Amino acid sequence: MSISLIAYGFNEQENIKDFIIKAHKFCKNITNNFEIIYLDDGSTDRSLEIIYKLKKIKKFNIRIYKNMYNKGVGYNFSKILKLPKKNIIIHQTIDWSYNIHKFLPYLDLIKKNKFDIIHGSRDFNINKRSDNIYRGLISITNKFLIGAMYGNFTKDFQNVYVIKKKCLKGIKLLSKSSFVNPELLMEFLLKNFKIAEVEIDFKKRKRGKAKGAKLKFLIRSIFDIVILWFKKGINFRLNNTNKIIYLN
């Protein structure tokens, strides 16, 4: 098994070193055939300076990409999914906010072709799924909105993944916001991939500021949810017969 662990971030100088150390330890416990891919979203702090220094430590196996300016979640997620060279892609946030060790017992199911994708889901409790109540309310509201329009095809949206690289072939994501994550899950379902979902603990951010709850990002996400319902949602509701298997 070969692994690409992917993450992107903007102005994450407080978290970047800790992320690389954790990412290396996580991958090393699984295989020696791994890479860590980091996409910098036009940072203006010391993020790039720090990670380029870490890149010189060869054992970390870091590949670095950067945007000239801040482009946001939708662009970054779509871009970084095209960069891995290994067979299995594992997605994590730069602040290591999800306990992706919960994926480990199920990786053998991927290896044995029992599943193609594993999707993480958070606790529905508002205090356990985000950094604060405000972000938790946004998350819950977002979940209900997507569920009402596209169907409750998963326990959670906008979360982390384990993906066979070959599953991404031919998939074109249109969203420019955080809606890119549930959009990807819908694409996987329509292509009849075998998908499992496991519960993943959320860990509140200890350093730096989360950027996703700013008003402009929320407006962009709502816009995508509505517009893509006409472009993809209707077709999804009419044609999807695939089901996600819950392993918890």
Protein backbone atom coordinates (compact mmCIF):
# COMPACT_ATOMS: atom_id res chain seq x y z
CA MET A 1 0.00 0.00 0.00
CA SER A 2 1.30 3.45 -0.93
CA ILE A 3 -0.12 6.61 0.66
CA SER A 4 -0.40 10.29 -0.23
CA LEU A 5 -1.46 12.33 2.79
CA ILE A 6 -2.83 15.66 1.56
CA ALA A 7 -3.61 19.00 3.20
CA TYR A 8 -3.86 22.66 2.24
CA GLY A 9 -3.77 25.83 4.30
CA PHE A 10 -3.62 29.60 4.40
CA ASN A 11 -1.46 31.45 6.97
CA GLU A 12 -0.88 28.41 9.16
CA GLN A 13 2.57 29.18 10.54
CA GLU A 14 1.44 28.10 14.03
CA ASN A 15 0.38 24.65 12.83
CA ILE A 16 2.55 23.66 9.89
CA LYS A 17 5.46 22.08 11.78
CA ASP A 18 3.20 20.09 14.09
CA PHE A 19 1.18 18.92 11.10
CA ILE A 20 4.22 17.58 9.24
CA ILE A 21 5.52 15.74 12.30
CA LYS A 22 2.11 14.12 12.90
CA ALA A 23 1.65 13.35 9.21
CA HIS A 24 5.04 11.66 9.00
CA LYS A 25 4.39 9.55 12.09
CA PHE A 26 0.94 8.58 10.84
CA CYS A 27 2.16 7.48 7.40
CA LYS A 28 5.28 5.76 8.72
CA ASN A 29 3.16 3.54 10.96
CA ILE A 30 1.36 2.27 7.85
CA THR A 31 4.03 2.06 5.14
CA ASN A 32 7.43 3.33 4.03
CA ASN A 33 5.95 4.17 0.63
CA PHE A 34 4.33 7.52 1.32
CA GLU A 35 4.37 11.22 0.50
CA ILE A 36 3.05 14.30 2.27
CA ILE A 37 1.52 16.88 -0.06
CA TYR A 38 0.95 20.43 1.14
CA LEU A 39 -0.78 23.10 -0.92
CA ASP A 40 -0.23 26.64 0.36
CA ASP A 41 -3.10 28.95 -0.51
CA GLY A 42 -1.18 32.20 -0.99
CA SER A 43 -0.02 32.60 2.60
CA THR A 44 1.39 35.95 3.70
CA ASP A 45 2.91 34.71 6.96
CA ARG A 46 5.90 32.37 7.52
CA SER A 47 4.08 29.17 6.49
CA LEU A 48 6.12 28.60 3.33
CA GLU A 49 9.41 29.48 4.99
CA ILE A 50 8.76 26.90 7.71
CA ILE A 51 7.65 24.10 5.43
CA TYR A 52 10.52 24.60 2.97
CA LYS A 53 12.90 24.13 5.90
CA LEU A 54 11.07 20.93 6.85
CA LYS A 55 11.26 19.74 3.24
CA LYS A 56 15.04 19.57 3.57
CA ILE A 57 14.55 16.77 6.11
CA LYS A 58 14.28 13.98 3.56
CA LYS A 59 12.49 11.47 5.80
CA PHE A 60 9.36 13.64 5.71
CA ASN A 61 8.93 13.12 1.93
CA ILE A 62 7.18 16.48 1.47
CA ARG A 63 5.93 17.82 -1.85
CA ILE A 64 4.96 21.51 -1.77
CA TYR A 65 2.65 23.44 -4.08
CA LYS A 66 1.50 27.03 -3.79
CA ASN A 67 -1.08 29.44 -5.15
CA MET A 68 -0.07 32.97 -6.04
CA TYR A 69 -3.01 34.30 -4.02
CA ASN A 70 -5.72 33.04 -1.69
CA LYS A 71 -8.28 31.00 -3.66
CA GLY A 72 -10.29 29.21 -0.99
CA VAL A 73 -11.47 25.71 -0.13
CA GLY A 74 -13.20 24.69 -3.36
CA TYR A 75 -10.23 25.49 -5.60
CA ASN A 76 -7.70 23.97 -3.21
CA PHE A 77 -9.53 20.71 -2.63
CA SER A 78 -10.09 20.20 -6.36
CA LYS A 79 -6.45 21.00 -7.11
CA ILE A 80 -4.84 18.90 -4.41
CA LEU A 81 -6.80 15.79 -5.43
CA LYS A 82 -4.94 15.91 -8.76
CA LEU A 83 -1.46 15.97 -7.21
CA PRO A 84 -0.92 12.59 -5.44
CA LYS A 85 1.32 9.94 -6.98
CA LYS A 86 0.47 7.13 -4.57
CA ASN A 87 -2.41 4.66 -4.78
CA ILE A 88 -4.28 5.67 -1.62
CA ILE A 89 -5.09 9.28 -0.77
CA ILE A 90 -5.79 10.30 2.83
CA HIS A 91 -7.18 13.78 3.43
CA GLN A 92 -6.52 15.70 6.65
CA THR A 93 -6.87 19.33 7.76
CA ILE A 94 -3.78 21.40 8.46
CA ASP A 95 -4.73 21.87 12.13
CA TRP A 96 -5.09 18.08 12.45
CA SER A 97 -8.67 18.56 13.62
CA TYR A 98 -9.81 15.01 12.80
CA ASN A 99 -8.61 11.84 14.46
CA ILE A 100 -7.80 10.03 11.23
CA HIS A 101 -6.30 7.18 13.25
CA LYS A 102 -9.92 5.97 13.32
CA PHE A 103 -9.39 5.06 9.65
CA LEU A 104 -6.55 2.64 10.40
CA PRO A 105 -8.59 -0.48 11.28
CA TYR A 106 -10.40 -0.16 7.94
CA LEU A 107 -7.47 0.37 5.58
CA ASP A 108 -7.20 -3.36 5.09
CA LEU A 109 -10.74 -3.31 3.66
CA ILE A 110 -9.50 -0.82 1.06
CA LYS A 111 -6.50 -3.01 0.32
CA LYS A 112 -8.71 -6.07 -0.15
CA ASN A 113 -11.09 -4.11 -2.43
CA LYS A 114 -14.00 -4.41 -0.02
CA PHE A 115 -14.37 -0.62 -0.31
CA ASP A 116 -13.07 2.10 -2.64
CA ILE A 117 -13.62 5.10 -0.37
CA ILE A 118 -13.92 5.67 3.37
CA HIS A 119 -15.63 8.85 4.51
CA GLY A 120 -15.38 10.27 8.04
CA SER A 121 -18.38 11.59 9.96
CA ARG A 122 -18.46 13.73 13.08
CA ASP A 123 -20.64 13.54 16.17
CA PHE A 124 -23.93 15.38 15.62
CA ASN A 125 -23.50 17.17 18.98
CA ILE A 126 -22.96 20.85 18.23
CA ASN A 127 -20.22 21.14 20.86
CA LYS A 128 -18.25 18.21 19.44
CA ARG A 129 -18.22 18.96 15.70
CA SER A 130 -16.62 22.43 15.48
CA ASP A 131 -14.25 24.81 17.23
CA ASN A 132 -17.05 26.84 18.81
CA ILE A 133 -20.85 27.09 18.99
CA TYR A 134 -21.02 29.61 16.13
CA ARG A 135 -19.15 27.31 13.76
CA GLY A 136 -21.11 24.36 15.07
CA LEU A 137 -24.41 26.08 14.25
CA ILE A 138 -23.18 26.85 10.75
CA SER A 139 -22.15 23.23 10.30
CA ILE A 140 -25.52 21.86 11.48
CA THR A 141 -27.46 24.38 9.36
CA ASN A 142 -25.34 23.48 6.35
CA LYS A 143 -26.00 19.77 6.94
CA PHE A 144 -29.78 20.28 7.04
CA LEU A 145 -29.76 22.51 3.95
CA ILE A 146 -27.78 20.02 1.87
CA GLY A 147 -29.85 17.13 3.20
CA ALA A 148 -33.12 18.85 2.29
CA MET A 149 -32.00 19.62 -1.26
CA TYR A 150 -29.81 16.66 -2.18
CA GLY A 151 -31.05 13.95 0.19
CA ASN A 152 -29.60 12.55 3.41
CA PHE A 153 -27.20 10.22 1.67
CA THR A 154 -24.55 10.50 4.40
CA LYS A 155 -24.38 11.14 8.14
CA ASP A 156 -22.09 14.13 7.67
CA PHE A 157 -20.78 16.51 5.03
CA GLN A 158 -17.50 18.37 4.52
CA ASN A 159 -15.23 15.88 6.16
CA VAL A 160 -12.10 13.79 5.61
CA TYR A 161 -11.56 10.89 3.25
CA VAL A 162 -9.56 7.82 2.33
CA ILE A 163 -9.74 7.48 -1.47
CA LYS A 164 -8.32 5.09 -4.02
CA LYS A 165 -6.61 7.37 -6.51
CA LYS A 166 -8.20 5.59 -9.47
CA CYS A 167 -11.66 6.62 -8.23
CA LEU A 168 -10.93 10.25 -9.12
CA LYS A 169 -10.52 9.56 -12.83
CA GLY A 170 -13.09 11.46 -14.88
CA ILE A 171 -14.54 13.39 -11.94
CA LYS A 172 -15.02 17.11 -12.50
CA LEU A 173 -15.87 19.25 -9.48
CA LEU A 174 -17.67 22.56 -10.06
CA SER A 175 -17.98 23.97 -6.57
CA LYS A 176 -15.80 26.93 -5.57
CA SER A 177 -16.64 26.60 -1.88
CA SER A 178 -16.67 24.02 0.91
CA PHE A 179 -19.57 22.36 -0.90
CA VAL A 180 -16.87 20.72 -3.03
CA ASN A 181 -16.65 17.97 -0.41
CA PRO A 182 -20.27 16.72 -0.54
CA GLU A 183 -20.17 17.27 -4.31
CA LEU A 184 -17.29 14.79 -4.49
CA LEU A 185 -19.20 12.28 -2.37
CA MET A 186 -22.20 12.52 -4.73
CA GLU A 187 -19.92 11.91 -7.71
CA PHE A 188 -18.54 8.79 -6.02
CA LEU A 189 -22.05 7.51 -5.35
CA LEU A 190 -23.19 8.07 -8.93
CA LYS A 191 -20.17 6.12 -10.17
CA ASN A 192 -21.25 3.23 -7.92
CA PHE A 193 -18.04 3.05 -5.92
CA LYS A 194 -18.17 1.07 -2.69
CA ILE A 195 -18.20 3.66 0.11
CA ALA A 196 -17.91 3.15 3.85
CA GLU A 197 -18.43 5.77 6.55
CA VAL A 198 -16.82 5.71 10.00
CA GLU A 199 -17.15 8.09 12.91
CA ILE A 200 -14.19 10.43 13.31
CA ASP A 201 -13.52 12.46 16.47
CA PHE A 202 -13.24 16.20 15.94
CA LYS A 203 -10.44 18.02 17.77
CA LYS A 204 -10.78 21.71 18.45
CA ARG A 205 -8.09 23.94 17.01
CA LYS A 206 -5.37 24.84 19.52
CA ARG A 207 -3.40 27.41 17.50
CA GLY A 208 -4.18 29.95 14.81
CA LYS A 209 -7.56 30.99 13.47
CA ALA A 210 -9.98 28.96 11.38
CA LYS A 211 -10.92 30.81 8.19
CA GLY A 212 -13.89 28.90 6.79
CA ALA A 213 -16.69 30.61 8.73
CA LYS A 214 -16.19 34.09 7.30
CA LEU A 215 -19.31 35.63 5.76
CA LYS A 216 -17.95 35.66 2.20
CA PHE A 217 -17.21 31.93 2.39
CA LEU A 218 -20.67 31.18 3.78
CA ILE A 219 -22.33 33.14 0.97
CA ARG A 220 -20.18 31.34 -1.60
CA SER A 221 -21.15 27.97 -0.12
CA ILE A 222 -24.88 28.73 -0.16
CA PHE A 223 -24.57 29.96 -3.75
CA ASP A 224 -22.90 26.69 -4.78
CA ILE A 225 -25.47 24.56 -2.95
CA VAL A 226 -28.33 26.27 -4.79
CA ILE A 227 -26.75 26.57 -8.25
CA LEU A 228 -25.34 23.04 -8.29
CA TRP A 229 -28.72 21.62 -7.31
CA PHE A 230 -29.86 22.53 -10.82
CA LYS A 231 -26.62 21.33 -12.45
CA LYS A 232 -26.12 18.11 -10.49
CA GLY A 233 -28.61 17.79 -7.66
CA ILE A 234 -31.69 16.93 -9.67
CA ASN A 235 -29.81 14.25 -11.60
CA PHE A 236 -28.42 12.90 -8.33
CA ARG A 237 -31.84 12.66 -6.68
CA LEU A 238 -33.30 10.91 -9.73
CA ASN A 239 -30.49 8.50 -10.55
CA ASN A 240 -28.54 7.62 -7.43
CA THR A 241 -29.28 4.11 -6.15
CA ASN A 242 -25.94 3.59 -4.42
CA LYS A 243 -25.75 3.41 -0.62
CA ILE A 244 -23.05 4.23 1.91
CA ILE A 245 -22.23 1.45 4.38
CA TYR A 246 -21.85 2.60 7.98
CA LEU A 247 -19.15 0.72 9.86
CA ASN A 248 -19.69 2.17 13.33
